[in-house]
Amino acid sequence: MSTEEPNVVWALEGYSKGDGSLVTESLISREQVIELRAVIDPDPDEPWMIFCYPVPADRWPAVDRILGCGAPDPNLEYLTSARAAV
């Protein structure tokens, strides 16, 4: 992983399975992104998880250990995301 961190804010986002609207968003720290790489399996050429990545349900226990986010809402689909920091 490159040591040069991009100027971004990462988040765990939950989208409604019904209409696709954003329901919840929790910020993810740089250190947590590094840990999530071992759980989420991002593209190997994308070291800082700038693209959106789905969070598979079978990996939720590991995600919860890293983020402390609690149980997932069964009505939501979860993704990691990144956006430019302001």
PDB file of N, CA and C in Angstrom:
ATOM      1  N   MET A   1       0.847  -1.181   0.000  1.00  0.00           N
ATOM      2  CA  MET A   1       0.000   0.000   0.000  1.00  0.00           C
ATOM      3  C   MET A   1       0.887   1.237   0.000  1.00  0.00           C
ATOM      4  N   SER A   2       0.531   2.178  -0.831  1.00  0.00           N
ATOM      5  CA  SER A   2       1.247   3.444  -0.883  1.00  0.00           C
ATOM      6  C   SER A   2       1.110   4.158   0.454  1.00  0.00           C
ATOM      7  N   THR A   3       2.168   4.798   0.888  1.00  0.00           N
ATOM      8  CA  THR A   3       2.104   5.536   2.150  1.00  0.00           C
ATOM      9  C   THR A   3       1.481   6.909   1.968  1.00  0.00           C
ATOM     10  N   GLU A   4       1.276   7.309   0.725  1.00  0.00           N
ATOM     11  CA  GLU A   4       0.675   8.619   0.477  1.00  0.00           C
ATOM     12  C   GLU A   4      -0.848   8.507   0.519  1.00  0.00           C
ATOM     13  N   GLU A   5      -1.415   8.980   1.602  1.00  0.00           N
ATOM     14  CA  GLU A   5      -2.860   8.915   1.790  1.00  0.00           C
ATOM     15  C   GLU A   5      -3.545   9.998   0.966  1.00  0.00           C
ATOM     16  N   PRO A   6      -4.616   9.645   0.251  1.00  0.00           N
ATOM     17  CA  PRO A   6      -5.349  10.658  -0.504  1.00  0.00           C
ATOM     18  C   PRO A   6      -6.144  11.556   0.443  1.00  0.00           C
ATOM     19  N   ASN A   7      -6.572  12.689  -0.049  1.00  0.00           N
ATOM     20  CA  ASN A   7      -7.345  13.637   0.739  1.00  0.00           C
ATOM     21  C   ASN A   7      -8.828  13.289   0.618  1.00  0.00           C
ATOM     22  N   VAL A   8      -9.232  12.211   1.308  1.00  0.00           N
ATOM     23  CA  VAL A   8     -10.605  11.717   1.212  1.00  0.00           C
ATOM     24  C   VAL A   8     -11.187  11.427   2.586  1.00  0.00           C
ATOM     25  N   VAL A   9     -12.497  11.266   2.584  1.00  0.00           N
ATOM     26  CA  VAL A   9     -13.243  10.823   3.756  1.00  0.00           C
ATOM     27  C   VAL A   9     -13.908   9.509   3.352  1.00  0.00           C
ATOM     28  N   TRP A  10     -13.706   8.469   4.162  1.00  0.00           N
ATOM     29  CA  TRP A  10     -14.313   7.173   3.884  1.00  0.00           C
ATOM     30  C   TRP A  10     -15.550   6.991   4.748  1.00  0.00           C
ATOM     31  N   ALA A  11     -16.474   6.149   4.263  1.00  0.00           N
ATOM     32  CA  ALA A  11     -17.693   5.887   5.023  1.00  0.00           C
ATOM     33  C   ALA A  11     -18.229   4.498   4.717  1.00  0.00           C
ATOM     34  N   LEU A  12     -18.995   3.984   5.661  1.00  0.00           N
ATOM     35  CA  LEU A  12     -19.803   2.796   5.463  1.00  0.00           C
ATOM     36  C   LEU A  12     -21.214   3.319   5.252  1.00  0.00           C
ATOM     37  N   GLU A  13     -21.789   3.013   4.100  1.00  0.00           N
ATOM     38  CA  GLU A  13     -23.115   3.529   3.752  1.00  0.00           C
ATOM     39  C   GLU A  13     -24.101   2.375   3.645  1.00  0.00           C
ATOM     40  N   GLY A  14     -25.312   2.615   4.135  1.00  0.00           N
ATOM     41  CA  GLY A  14     -26.390   1.640   4.034  1.00  0.00           C
ATOM     42  C   GLY A  14     -27.494   2.186   3.148  1.00  0.00           C
ATOM     43  N   TYR A  15     -27.826   1.435   2.102  1.00  0.00           N
ATOM     44  CA  TYR A  15     -28.843   1.844   1.133  1.00  0.00           C
ATOM     45  C   TYR A  15     -30.065   0.947   1.234  1.00  0.00           C
ATOM     46  N   SER A  16     -31.234   1.538   1.107  1.00  0.00           N
ATOM     47  CA  SER A  16     -32.491   0.792   1.153  1.00  0.00           C
ATOM     48  C   SER A  16     -32.550  -0.219   0.021  1.00  0.00           C
ATOM     49  N   LYS A  17     -32.890  -1.460   0.358  1.00  0.00           N
ATOM     50  CA  LYS A  17     -33.076  -2.484  -0.676  1.00  0.00           C
ATOM     51  C   LYS A  17     -34.324  -2.190  -1.496  1.00  0.00           C
ATOM     52  N   GLY A  18     -35.237  -1.396  -0.937  1.00  0.00           N
ATOM     53  CA  GLY A  18     -36.482  -1.076  -1.634  1.00  0.00           C
ATOM     54  C   GLY A  18     -36.326  -0.041  -2.720  1.00  0.00           C
ATOM     55  N   ASP A  19     -35.758   1.115  -2.369  1.00  0.00           N
ATOM     56  CA  ASP A  19     -35.682   2.198  -3.358  1.00  0.00           C
ATOM     57  C   ASP A  19     -34.260   2.697  -3.619  1.00  0.00           C
ATOM     58  N   GLY A  20     -33.270   2.094  -2.966  1.00  0.00           N
ATOM     59  CA  GLY A  20     -31.877   2.473  -3.210  1.00  0.00           C
ATOM     60  C   GLY A  20     -31.437   3.772  -2.568  1.00  0.00           C
ATOM     61  N   SER A  21     -32.288   4.353  -1.720  1.00  0.00           N
ATOM     62  CA  SER A  21     -31.915   5.621  -1.093  1.00  0.00           C
ATOM     63  C   SER A  21     -30.916   5.393   0.047  1.00  0.00           C
ATOM     64  N   LEU A  22     -30.059   6.385   0.271  1.00  0.00           N
ATOM     65  CA  LEU A  22     -29.090   6.336   1.359  1.00  0.00           C
ATOM     66  C   LEU A  22     -29.839   6.492   2.679  1.00  0.00           C
ATOM     67  N   VAL A  23     -29.656   5.531   3.582  1.00  0.00           N
ATOM     68  CA  VAL A  23     -30.349   5.537   4.863  1.00  0.00           C
ATOM     69  C   VAL A  23     -29.399   5.860   6.008  1.00  0.00           C
ATOM     70  N   THR A  24     -28.176   5.348   5.928  1.00  0.00           N
ATOM     71  CA  THR A  24     -27.230   5.535   7.022  1.00  0.00           C
ATOM     72  C   THR A  24     -25.816   5.690   6.477  1.00  0.00           C
ATOM     73  N   GLU A  25     -25.003   6.454   7.210  1.00  0.00           N
ATOM     74  CA  GLU A  25     -23.614   6.652   6.838  1.00  0.00           C
ATOM     75  C   GLU A  25     -22.786   6.778   8.111  1.00  0.00           C
ATOM     76  N   SER A  26     -21.709   5.992   8.199  1.00  0.00           N
ATOM     77  CA  SER A  26     -20.791   6.046   9.332  1.00  0.00           C
ATOM     78  C   SER A  26     -19.385   6.267   8.798  1.00  0.00           C
ATOM     79  N   LEU A  27     -18.679   7.224   9.358  1.00  0.00           N
ATOM     80  CA  LEU A  27     -17.326   7.518   8.895  1.00  0.00           C
ATOM     81  C   LEU A  27     -16.356   6.399   9.256  1.00  0.00           C
ATOM     82  N   ILE A  28     -15.350   6.210   8.404  1.00  0.00           N
ATOM     83  CA  ILE A  28     -14.319   5.195   8.586  1.00  0.00           C
ATOM     84  C   ILE A  28     -12.973   5.919   8.635  1.00  0.00           C
ATOM     85  N   SER A  29     -12.164   5.608   9.636  1.00  0.00           N
ATOM     86  CA  SER A  29     -10.844   6.238   9.761  1.00  0.00           C
ATOM     87  C   SER A  29      -9.840   5.594   8.814  1.00  0.00           C
ATOM     88  N   ARG A  30      -8.717   6.249   8.634  1.00  0.00           N
ATOM     89  CA  ARG A  30      -7.624   5.724   7.798  1.00  0.00           C
ATOM     90  C   ARG A  30      -7.175   4.357   8.315  1.00  0.00           C
ATOM     91  N   GLU A  31      -7.023   4.230   9.617  1.00  0.00           N
ATOM     92  CA  GLU A  31      -6.590   2.971  10.210  1.00  0.00           C
ATOM     93  C   GLU A  31      -7.612   1.869   9.962  1.00  0.00           C
ATOM     94  N   GLN A  32      -8.890   2.211  10.051  1.00  0.00           N
ATOM     95  CA  GLN A  32      -9.938   1.227   9.795  1.00  0.00           C
ATOM     96  C   GLN A  32      -9.953   0.804   8.328  1.00  0.00           C
ATOM     97  N   VAL A  33      -9.688   1.732   7.411  1.00  0.00           N
ATOM     98  CA  VAL A  33      -9.608   1.386   5.983  1.00  0.00           C
ATOM     99  C   VAL A  33      -8.521   0.331   5.769  1.00  0.00           C
ATOM    100  N   ILE A  34      -7.396   0.527   6.409  1.00  0.00           N
ATOM    101  CA  ILE A  34      -6.286  -0.424   6.271  1.00  0.00           C
ATOM    102  C   ILE A  34      -6.725  -1.814   6.758  1.00  0.00           C
ATOM    103  N   GLU A  35      -7.442  -1.877   7.872  1.00  0.00           N
ATOM    104  CA  GLU A  35      -7.930  -3.163   8.390  1.00  0.00           C
ATOM    105  C   GLU A  35      -9.011  -3.758   7.481  1.00  0.00           C
ATOM    106  N   LEU A  36      -9.889  -2.912   6.955  1.00  0.00           N
ATOM    107  CA  LEU A  36     -10.974  -3.396   6.097  1.00  0.00           C
ATOM    108  C   LEU A  36     -10.469  -4.020   4.805  1.00  0.00           C
ATOM    109  N   ARG A  37      -9.303  -3.606   4.344  1.00  0.00           N
ATOM    110  CA  ARG A  37      -8.744  -4.175   3.109  1.00  0.00           C
ATOM    111  C   ARG A  37      -8.641  -5.701   3.194  1.00  0.00           C
ATOM    112  N   ALA A  38      -8.379  -6.226   4.370  1.00  0.00           N
ATOM    113  CA  ALA A  38      -8.257  -7.675   4.535  1.00  0.00           C
ATOM    114  C   ALA A  38      -9.620  -8.366   4.556  1.00  0.00           C
ATOM    115  N   VAL A  39     -10.675  -7.602   4.763  1.00  0.00           N
ATOM    116  CA  VAL A  39     -12.028  -8.165   4.884  1.00  0.00           C
ATOM    117  C   VAL A  39     -12.843  -7.977   3.609  1.00  0.00           C
ATOM    118  N   ILE A  40     -12.738  -6.831   2.985  1.00  0.00           N
ATOM    119  CA  ILE A  40     -13.592  -6.464   1.852  1.00  0.00           C
ATOM    120  C   ILE A  40     -13.024  -6.902   0.508  1.00  0.00           C
ATOM    121  N   ASP A  41     -11.730  -7.142   0.399  1.00  0.00           N
ATOM    122  CA  ASP A  41     -11.076  -7.548  -0.854  1.00  0.00           C
ATOM    123  C   ASP A  41     -11.223  -6.514  -1.977  1.00  0.00           C
ATOM    124  N   PRO A  42     -10.703  -5.308  -1.779  1.00  0.00           N
ATOM    125  CA  PRO A  42     -10.763  -4.321  -2.858  1.00  0.00           C
ATOM    126  C   PRO A  42      -9.807  -4.682  -3.987  1.00  0.00           C
ATOM    127  N   ASP A  43      -9.933  -3.978  -5.086  1.00  0.00           N
ATOM    128  CA  ASP A  43      -9.033  -4.156  -6.224  1.00  0.00           C
ATOM    129  C   ASP A  43      -7.596  -3.971  -5.730  1.00  0.00           C
ATOM    130  N   PRO A  44      -6.694  -4.888  -6.045  1.00  0.00           N
ATOM    131  CA  PRO A  44      -5.315  -4.764  -5.551  1.00  0.00           C
ATOM    132  C   PRO A  44      -4.577  -3.529  -6.050  1.00  0.00           C
ATOM    133  N   ASP A  45      -5.021  -2.964  -7.170  1.00  0.00           N
ATOM    134  CA  ASP A  45      -4.390  -1.750  -7.696  1.00  0.00           C
ATOM    135  C   ASP A  45      -4.999  -0.482  -7.106  1.00  0.00           C
ATOM    136  N   GLU A  46      -5.873  -0.621  -6.134  1.00  0.00           N
ATOM    137  CA  GLU A  46      -6.587   0.512  -5.560  1.00  0.00           C
ATOM    138  C   GLU A  46      -6.340   0.509  -4.053  1.00  0.00           C
ATOM    139  N   PRO A  47      -5.154   0.937  -3.603  1.00  0.00           N
ATOM    140  CA  PRO A  47      -4.751   0.764  -2.203  1.00  0.00           C
ATOM    141  C   PRO A  47      -5.589   1.510  -1.169  1.00  0.00           C
ATOM    142  N   TRP A  48      -6.217   2.598  -1.535  1.00  0.00           N
ATOM    143  CA  TRP A  48      -6.948   3.378  -0.529  1.00  0.00           C
ATOM    144  C   TRP A  48      -8.457   3.237  -0.615  1.00  0.00           C
ATOM    145  N   MET A  49      -8.953   2.227  -1.321  1.00  0.00           N
ATOM    146  CA  MET A  49     -10.392   1.957  -1.391  1.00  0.00           C
ATOM    147  C   MET A  49     -11.187   3.216  -1.760  1.00  0.00           C
ATOM    148  N   ILE A  50     -10.776   3.863  -2.835  1.00  0.00           N
ATOM    149  CA  ILE A  50     -11.467   5.065  -3.300  1.00  0.00           C
ATOM    150  C   ILE A  50     -12.785   4.697  -3.985  1.00  0.00           C
ATOM    151  N   PHE A  51     -12.805   3.543  -4.649  1.00  0.00           N
ATOM    152  CA  PHE A  51     -14.042   3.083  -5.289  1.00  0.00           C
ATOM    153  C   PHE A  51     -14.991   2.540  -4.227  1.00  0.00           C
ATOM    154  N   CYS A  52     -16.258   2.377  -4.588  1.00  0.00           N
ATOM    155  CA  CYS A  52     -17.235   1.767  -3.684  1.00  0.00           C
ATOM    156  C   CYS A  52     -17.073   0.248  -3.725  1.00  0.00           C
ATOM    157  N   TYR A  53     -17.180  -0.371  -2.560  1.00  0.00           N
ATOM    158  CA  TYR A  53     -17.084  -1.828  -2.461  1.00  0.00           C
ATOM    159  C   TYR A  53     -18.243  -2.356  -1.630  1.00  0.00           C
ATOM    160  N   PRO A  54     -18.947  -3.373  -2.133  1.00  0.00           N
ATOM    161  CA  PRO A  54     -20.021  -3.978  -1.337  1.00  0.00           C
ATOM    162  C   PRO A  54     -19.446  -4.693  -0.113  1.00  0.00           C
ATOM    163  N   VAL A  55     -20.235  -4.702   0.944  1.00  0.00           N
ATOM    164  CA  VAL A  55     -19.849  -5.402   2.161  1.00  0.00           C
ATOM    165  C   VAL A  55     -20.676  -6.695   2.205  1.00  0.00           C
ATOM    166  N   PRO A  56     -20.055  -7.833   1.905  1.00  0.00           N
ATOM    167  CA  PRO A  56     -20.796  -9.096   1.908  1.00  0.00           C
ATOM    168  C   PRO A  56     -21.323  -9.427   3.305  1.00  0.00           C
ATOM    169  N   ALA A  57     -22.537  -9.955   3.363  1.00  0.00           N
ATOM    170  CA  ALA A  57     -23.176 -10.283   4.648  1.00  0.00           C
ATOM    171  C   ALA A  57     -22.331 -11.262   5.464  1.00  0.00           C
ATOM    172  N   ASP A  58     -21.665 -12.197   4.805  1.00  0.00           N
ATOM    173  CA  ASP A  58     -20.869 -13.182   5.546  1.00  0.00           C
ATOM    174  C   ASP A  58     -19.613 -12.572   6.171  1.00  0.00           C
ATOM    175  N   ARG A  59     -19.274 -11.359   5.774  1.00  0.00           N
ATOM    176  CA  ARG A  59     -18.095 -10.696   6.336  1.00  0.00           C
ATOM    177  C   ARG A  59     -18.455  -9.668   7.411  1.00  0.00           C
ATOM    178  N   TRP A  60     -19.762  -9.539   7.674  1.00  0.00           N
ATOM    179  CA  TRP A  60     -20.213  -8.513   8.615  1.00  0.00           C
ATOM    180  C   TRP A  60     -19.593  -8.663   9.998  1.00  0.00           C
ATOM    181  N   PRO A  61     -19.441  -9.860  10.568  1.00  0.00           N
ATOM    182  CA  PRO A  61     -18.820  -9.948  11.897  1.00  0.00           C
ATOM    183  C   PRO A  61     -17.424  -9.311  11.939  1.00  0.00           C
ATOM    184  N   ALA A  62     -16.627  -9.507  10.896  1.00  0.00           N
ATOM    185  CA  ALA A  62     -15.287  -8.896  10.850  1.00  0.00           C
ATOM    186  C   ALA A  62     -15.393  -7.382  10.695  1.00  0.00           C
ATOM    187  N   VAL A  63     -16.330  -6.930   9.880  1.00  0.00           N
ATOM    188  CA  VAL A  63     -16.541  -5.480   9.700  1.00  0.00           C
ATOM    189  C   VAL A  63     -16.964  -4.861  11.027  1.00  0.00           C
ATOM    190  N   ASP A  64     -17.853  -5.532  11.742  1.00  0.00           N
ATOM    191  CA  ASP A  64     -18.303  -5.027  13.041  1.00  0.00           C
ATOM    192  C   ASP A  64     -17.143  -4.966  14.033  1.00  0.00           C
ATOM    193  N   ARG A  65     -16.243  -5.956  14.029  1.00  0.00           N
ATOM    194  CA  ARG A  65     -15.078  -5.915  14.933  1.00  0.00           C
ATOM    195  C   ARG A  65     -14.195  -4.707  14.632  1.00  0.00           C
ATOM    196  N   ILE A  66     -14.078  -4.342  13.369  1.00  0.00           N
ATOM    197  CA  ILE A  66     -13.234  -3.211  12.975  1.00  0.00           C
ATOM    198  C   ILE A  66     -13.925  -1.878  13.236  1.00  0.00           C
ATOM    199  N   LEU A  67     -15.198  -1.788  12.844  1.00  0.00           N
ATOM    200  CA  LEU A  67     -15.909  -0.504  12.908  1.00  0.00           C
ATOM    201  C   LEU A  67     -16.781  -0.325  14.142  1.00  0.00           C
ATOM    202  N   GLY A  68     -17.118  -1.419  14.829  1.00  0.00           N
ATOM    203  CA  GLY A  68     -18.012  -1.312  15.982  1.00  0.00           C
ATOM    204  C   GLY A  68     -19.374  -0.784  15.580  1.00  0.00           C
ATOM    205  N   CYS A  69     -19.891  -1.275  14.457  1.00  0.00           N
ATOM    206  CA  CYS A  69     -21.126  -0.731  13.891  1.00  0.00           C
ATOM    207  C   CYS A  69     -22.372  -1.498  14.304  1.00  0.00           C
ATOM    208  N   GLY A  70     -22.225  -2.601  15.025  1.00  0.00           N
ATOM    209  CA  GLY A  70     -23.382  -3.375  15.444  1.00  0.00           C
ATOM    210  C   GLY A  70     -23.929  -4.245  14.327  1.00  0.00           C
ATOM    211  N   ALA A  71     -25.078  -4.818  14.585  1.00  0.00           N
ATOM    212  CA  ALA A  71     -25.707  -5.725  13.623  1.00  0.00           C
ATOM    213  C   ALA A  71     -26.209  -4.950  12.399  1.00  0.00           C
ATOM    214  N   PRO A  72     -26.125  -5.571  11.221  1.00  0.00           N
ATOM    215  CA  PRO A  72     -26.622  -4.892  10.020  1.00  0.00           C
ATOM    216  C   PRO A  72     -28.147  -4.886   9.995  1.00  0.00           C
ATOM    217  N   ASP A  73     -28.711  -3.899   9.369  1.00  0.00           N
ATOM    218  CA  ASP A  73     -30.152  -3.828   9.150  1.00  0.00           C
ATOM    219  C   ASP A  73     -30.461  -4.721   7.947  1.00  0.00           C
ATOM    220  N   PRO A  74     -31.330  -5.714   8.078  1.00  0.00           N
ATOM    221  CA  PRO A  74     -31.607  -6.618   6.966  1.00  0.00           C
ATOM    222  C   PRO A  74     -32.283  -5.939   5.775  1.00  0.00           C
ATOM    223  N   ASN A  75     -32.787  -4.731   5.962  1.00  0.00           N
ATOM    224  CA  ASN A  75     -33.440  -4.000   4.880  1.00  0.00           C
ATOM    225  C   ASN A  75     -32.471  -3.128   4.089  1.00  0.00           C
ATOM    226  N   LEU A  76     -31.180  -3.184   4.459  1.00  0.00           N
ATOM    227  CA  LEU A  76     -30.184  -2.335   3.811  1.00  0.00           C
ATOM    228  C   LEU A  76     -29.107  -3.158   3.122  1.00  0.00           C
ATOM    229  N   GLU A  77     -28.538  -2.579   2.073  1.00  0.00           N
ATOM    230  CA  GLU A  77     -27.329  -3.097   1.437  1.00  0.00           C
ATOM    231  C   GLU A  77     -26.216  -2.134   1.804  1.00  0.00           C
ATOM    232  N   TYR A  78     -25.047  -2.663   2.148  1.00  0.00           N
ATOM    233  CA  TYR A  78     -23.955  -1.834   2.641  1.00  0.00           C
ATOM    234  C   TYR A  78     -22.802  -1.771   1.644  1.00  0.00           C
ATOM    235  N   LEU A  79     -22.199  -0.580   1.553  1.00  0.00           N
ATOM    236  CA  LEU A  79     -21.041  -0.329   0.704  1.00  0.00           C
ATOM    237  C   LEU A  79     -20.061   0.538   1.466  1.00  0.00           C
ATOM    238  N   THR A  80     -18.782   0.375   1.148  1.00  0.00           N
ATOM    239  CA  THR A  80     -17.811   1.364   1.586  1.00  0.00           C
ATOM    240  C   THR A  80     -17.748   2.422   0.490  1.00  0.00           C
ATOM    241  N   SER A  81     -17.452   3.636   0.866  1.00  0.00           N
ATOM    242  CA  SER A  81     -17.337   4.713  -0.129  1.00  0.00           C
ATOM    243  C   SER A  81     -16.253   5.681   0.281  1.00  0.00           C
ATOM    244  N   ALA A  82     -15.874   6.522  -0.646  1.00  0.00           N
ATOM    245  CA  ALA A  82     -14.903   7.580  -0.371  1.00  0.00           C
ATOM    246  C   ALA A  82     -15.301   8.808  -1.174  1.00  0.00           C
ATOM    247  N   ARG A  83     -15.078   9.967  -0.587  1.00  0.00           N
ATOM    248  CA  ARG A  83     -15.353  11.230  -1.285  1.00  0.00           C
ATOM    249  C   ARG A  83     -14.274  12.219  -0.912  1.00  0.00           C
ATOM    250  N   ALA A  84     -14.119  13.221  -1.732  1.00  0.00           N
ATOM    251  CA  ALA A  84     -13.110  14.244  -1.471  1.00  0.00           C
ATOM    252  C   ALA A  84     -13.388  14.935  -0.133  1.00  0.00           C
ATOM    253  N   ALA A  85     -12.333  15.111   0.635  1.00  0.00           N
ATOM    254  CA  ALA A  85     -12.444  15.849   1.894  1.00  0.00           C
ATOM    255  C   ALA A  85     -12.513  17.331   1.568  1.00  0.00           C
ATOM    256  N   VAL A  86     -13.293  18.040   2.352  1.00  0.00           N
ATOM    257  CA  VAL A  86     -13.405  19.493   2.131  1.00  0.00           C
ATOM    258  C   VAL A  86     -12.780  20.245   3.269  1.00  0.00           C
TER     259      VAL A  86
END
